[in-house]
C-alpha atoms as a PDB file:
ATOM      1  CA  MET A   1       8.742  -5.530  24.798  1.00  0.00           C
ATOM      2  CA  THR A   2       7.790  -2.135  24.672  1.00  0.00           C
ATOM      3  CA  GLU A   3       7.922   0.161  21.500  1.00  0.00           C
ATOM      4  CA  ASP A   4       8.346   4.012  21.217  1.00  0.00           C
ATOM      5  CA  ILE A   5       8.007   6.564  18.158  1.00  0.00           C
ATOM      6  CA  LEU A   6       9.958   9.478  19.045  1.00  0.00           C
ATOM      7  CA  ILE A   7       9.171  12.074  16.579  1.00  0.00           C
ATOM      8  CA  ASN A   8      10.938  15.638  16.144  1.00  0.00           C
ATOM      9  CA  CYS A   9       9.968  18.076  13.497  1.00  0.00           C
ATOM     10  CA  THR A  10      11.817  21.515  12.758  1.00  0.00           C
ATOM     11  CA  PRO A  11      11.062  23.621   9.799  1.00  0.00           C
ATOM     12  CA  GLN A  12      14.703  22.021   8.035  1.00  0.00           C
ATOM     13  CA  GLU A  13      13.796  18.345   8.754  1.00  0.00           C
ATOM     14  CA  THR A  14      11.709  15.868  10.310  1.00  0.00           C
ATOM     15  CA  ARG A  15      13.207  12.877  12.284  1.00  0.00           C
ATOM     16  CA  VAL A  16      11.549   9.815  13.651  1.00  0.00           C
ATOM     17  CA  GLY A  17      13.011   7.177  15.608  1.00  0.00           C
ATOM     18  CA  VAL A  18      11.734   3.542  16.883  1.00  0.00           C
ATOM     19  CA  MET A  19      12.768   2.408  20.274  1.00  0.00           C
ATOM     20  CA  GLN A  20      12.387  -1.298  21.650  1.00  0.00           C
ATOM     21  CA  ALA A  21      13.057  -1.725  25.198  1.00  0.00           C
ATOM     22  CA  GLY A  22      14.968   1.386  25.358  1.00  0.00           C
ATOM     23  CA  VAL A  23      17.114   0.581  22.344  1.00  0.00           C
ATOM     24  CA  PRO A  24      17.264   2.416  19.146  1.00  0.00           C
ATOM     25  CA  GLN A  25      15.944   0.348  16.262  1.00  0.00           C
ATOM     26  CA  GLU A  26      15.427   2.599  13.220  1.00  0.00           C
ATOM     27  CA  LEU A  27      16.334   6.133  12.604  1.00  0.00           C
ATOM     28  CA  HIS A  28      14.397   8.126   9.617  1.00  0.00           C
ATOM     29  CA  ILE A  29      15.447  11.538   8.567  1.00  0.00           C
ATOM     30  CA  GLU A  30      13.654  13.535   6.227  1.00  0.00           C
ATOM     31  CA  ARG A  31      14.935  16.594   5.304  1.00  0.00           C
ATOM     32  CA  ALA A  32      12.873  19.790   3.596  1.00  0.00           C
ATOM     33  CA  ALA A  33      15.109  20.270   0.830  1.00  0.00           C
ATOM     34  CA  ASN A  34      15.074  16.484  -0.406  1.00  0.00           C
ATOM     35  CA  ARG A  35      11.306  15.666   0.262  1.00  0.00           C
ATOM     36  CA  GLY A  36      10.752  12.499  -1.624  1.00  0.00           C
ATOM     37  CA  LEU A  37       7.373  11.048  -3.222  1.00  0.00           C
ATOM     38  CA  VAL A  38       7.888   7.633  -2.856  1.00  0.00           C
ATOM     39  CA  GLY A  39       5.834   6.558   0.005  1.00  0.00           C
ATOM     40  CA  ASN A  40       3.253   8.960   0.157  1.00  0.00           C
ATOM     41  CA  ILE A  41      -0.301   7.646  -0.677  1.00  0.00           C
ATOM     42  CA  TYR A  42      -1.826   9.594  -3.478  1.00  0.00           C
ATOM     43  CA  VAL A  43      -5.630   9.035  -4.939  1.00  0.00           C
ATOM     44  CA  GLY A  44      -5.317   8.677  -8.896  1.00  0.00           C
ATOM     45  CA  ARG A  45      -6.905   7.654 -11.591  1.00  0.00           C
ATOM     46  CA  VAL A  46      -5.365   4.845 -14.214  1.00  0.00           C
ATOM     47  CA  ALA A  47      -4.106   6.304 -17.228  1.00  0.00           C
ATOM     48  CA  ARG A  48      -2.416   3.209 -18.581  1.00  0.00           C
ATOM     49  CA  VAL A  49      -2.118  -0.360 -18.277  1.00  0.00           C
ATOM     50  CA  LEU A  50       0.634  -2.249 -19.221  1.00  0.00           C
ATOM     51  CA  PRO A  51      -0.198  -5.731 -18.911  1.00  0.00           C
ATOM     52  CA  GLY A  52       2.981  -7.324 -19.867  1.00  0.00           C
ATOM     53  CA  MET A  53       4.818  -5.603 -16.740  1.00  0.00           C
ATOM     54  CA  GLN A  54       1.431  -6.310 -14.557  1.00  0.00           C
ATOM     55  CA  SER A  55       1.339  -2.508 -13.696  1.00  0.00           C
ATOM     56  CA  ALA A  56      -0.322   0.837 -14.673  1.00  0.00           C
ATOM     57  CA  PHE A  57       0.604   4.368 -14.502  1.00  0.00           C
ATOM     58  CA  ILE A  58      -1.853   6.291 -12.385  1.00  0.00           C
ATOM     59  CA  GLU A  59      -2.813  10.249 -12.836  1.00  0.00           C
ATOM     60  CA  ILE A  60      -1.945  11.641  -9.280  1.00  0.00           C
ATOM     61  CA  GLY A  61      -1.879  15.382 -10.348  1.00  0.00           C
ATOM     62  CA  LEU A  62       1.811  15.866 -10.474  1.00  0.00           C
ATOM     63  CA  GLU A  63       4.106  16.331 -13.579  1.00  0.00           C
ATOM     64  CA  ARG A  64       4.488  12.335 -13.666  1.00  0.00           C
ATOM     65  CA  ALA A  65       2.494   9.732 -13.416  1.00  0.00           C
ATOM     66  CA  GLY A  66       3.033   7.193 -10.359  1.00  0.00           C
ATOM     67  CA  PHE A  67       3.862   3.643 -10.872  1.00  0.00           C
ATOM     68  CA  LEU A  68       1.446   0.715  -9.561  1.00  0.00           C
ATOM     69  CA  HIS A  69       2.617  -3.005  -9.660  1.00  0.00           C
ATOM     70  CA  VAL A  70       0.178  -5.409  -9.555  1.00  0.00           C
ATOM     71  CA  GLY A  71       1.397  -6.757  -6.538  1.00  0.00           C
ATOM     72  CA  ASP A  72       1.110  -3.451  -4.793  1.00  0.00           C
ATOM     73  CA  ILE A  73      -2.664  -3.620  -4.952  1.00  0.00           C
ATOM     74  CA  TRP A  74      -4.788  -4.529  -2.003  1.00  0.00           C
ATOM     75  CA  GLU A  75      -7.772  -6.706  -2.286  1.00  0.00           C
ATOM     76  CA  GLU A  76      -9.116  -9.877  -1.450  1.00  0.00           C
ATOM     77  CA  ARG A  77      -6.865 -12.688  -1.620  1.00  0.00           C
ATOM     78  CA  PRO A  78      -6.816 -15.374  -4.393  1.00  0.00           C
ATOM     79  CA  GLN A  79      -8.247 -18.179  -3.819  1.00  0.00           C
ATOM     80  CA  PRO A  80      -6.253 -21.251  -3.172  1.00  0.00           C
ATOM     81  CA  ASN A  81      -6.377 -22.655  -6.773  1.00  0.00           C
ATOM     82  CA  ASP A  82      -5.515 -19.442  -7.771  1.00  0.00           C
ATOM     83  CA  ALA A  83      -2.165 -18.297  -6.494  1.00  0.00           C
ATOM     84  CA  ARG A  84      -1.468 -15.473  -9.408  1.00  0.00           C
ATOM     85  CA  GLY A  85      -4.558 -13.337  -8.310  1.00  0.00           C
ATOM     86  CA  LYS A  86      -6.242 -11.182 -10.896  1.00  0.00           C
ATOM     87  CA  PRO A  87      -3.968  -9.900 -13.942  1.00  0.00           C
ATOM     88  CA  ILE A  88      -3.650  -5.755 -13.765  1.00  0.00           C
ATOM     89  CA  GLU A  89      -6.078  -5.458 -16.684  1.00  0.00           C
ATOM     90  CA  LYS A  90      -8.887  -6.815 -14.515  1.00  0.00           C
ATOM     91  CA  SER A  91      -7.736  -5.104 -11.302  1.00  0.00           C
ATOM     92  CA  SER A  92      -7.286  -1.370 -12.478  1.00  0.00           C
ATOM     93  CA  PRO A  93      -9.372  -0.721 -15.739  1.00  0.00           C
ATOM     94  CA  LYS A  94      -8.157   2.306 -17.381  1.00  0.00           C
ATOM     95  CA  ALA A  95      -9.655   5.891 -15.736  1.00  0.00           C
ATOM     96  CA  SER A  96     -11.030   3.711 -12.794  1.00  0.00           C
ATOM     97  CA  ARG A  97      -9.924   5.876  -9.521  1.00  0.00           C
ATOM     98  CA  GLY A  98      -7.752   4.251  -7.060  1.00  0.00           C
ATOM     99  CA  TRP A  99      -4.782   4.523  -4.272  1.00  0.00           C
ATOM    100  CA  CYS A 100      -0.860   4.849  -5.364  1.00  0.00           C
ATOM    101  CA  ARG A 101       1.720   4.888  -3.322  1.00  0.00           C
END
């Protein structure tokens, strides 16, 4: 089965379509007036760790900090006897560098 990605960019909007075997499967439209931050990838520094929520706030150079949940951290998979993985305070110590999406 063939899969094609079609991209159309104009100053006002960007459109991306995914086709499988000639049939449209997905369509994404982003307008310049409504550009969002969600889904982008940023390099930042851990500003605050919240162990109770298993999350951290990451300074990414914008007005507000980014939010990172422990489930979104990519690292080596936990051993079979430890299904939970590392707690957020061990995965993202304060002031360490990391990626935030």
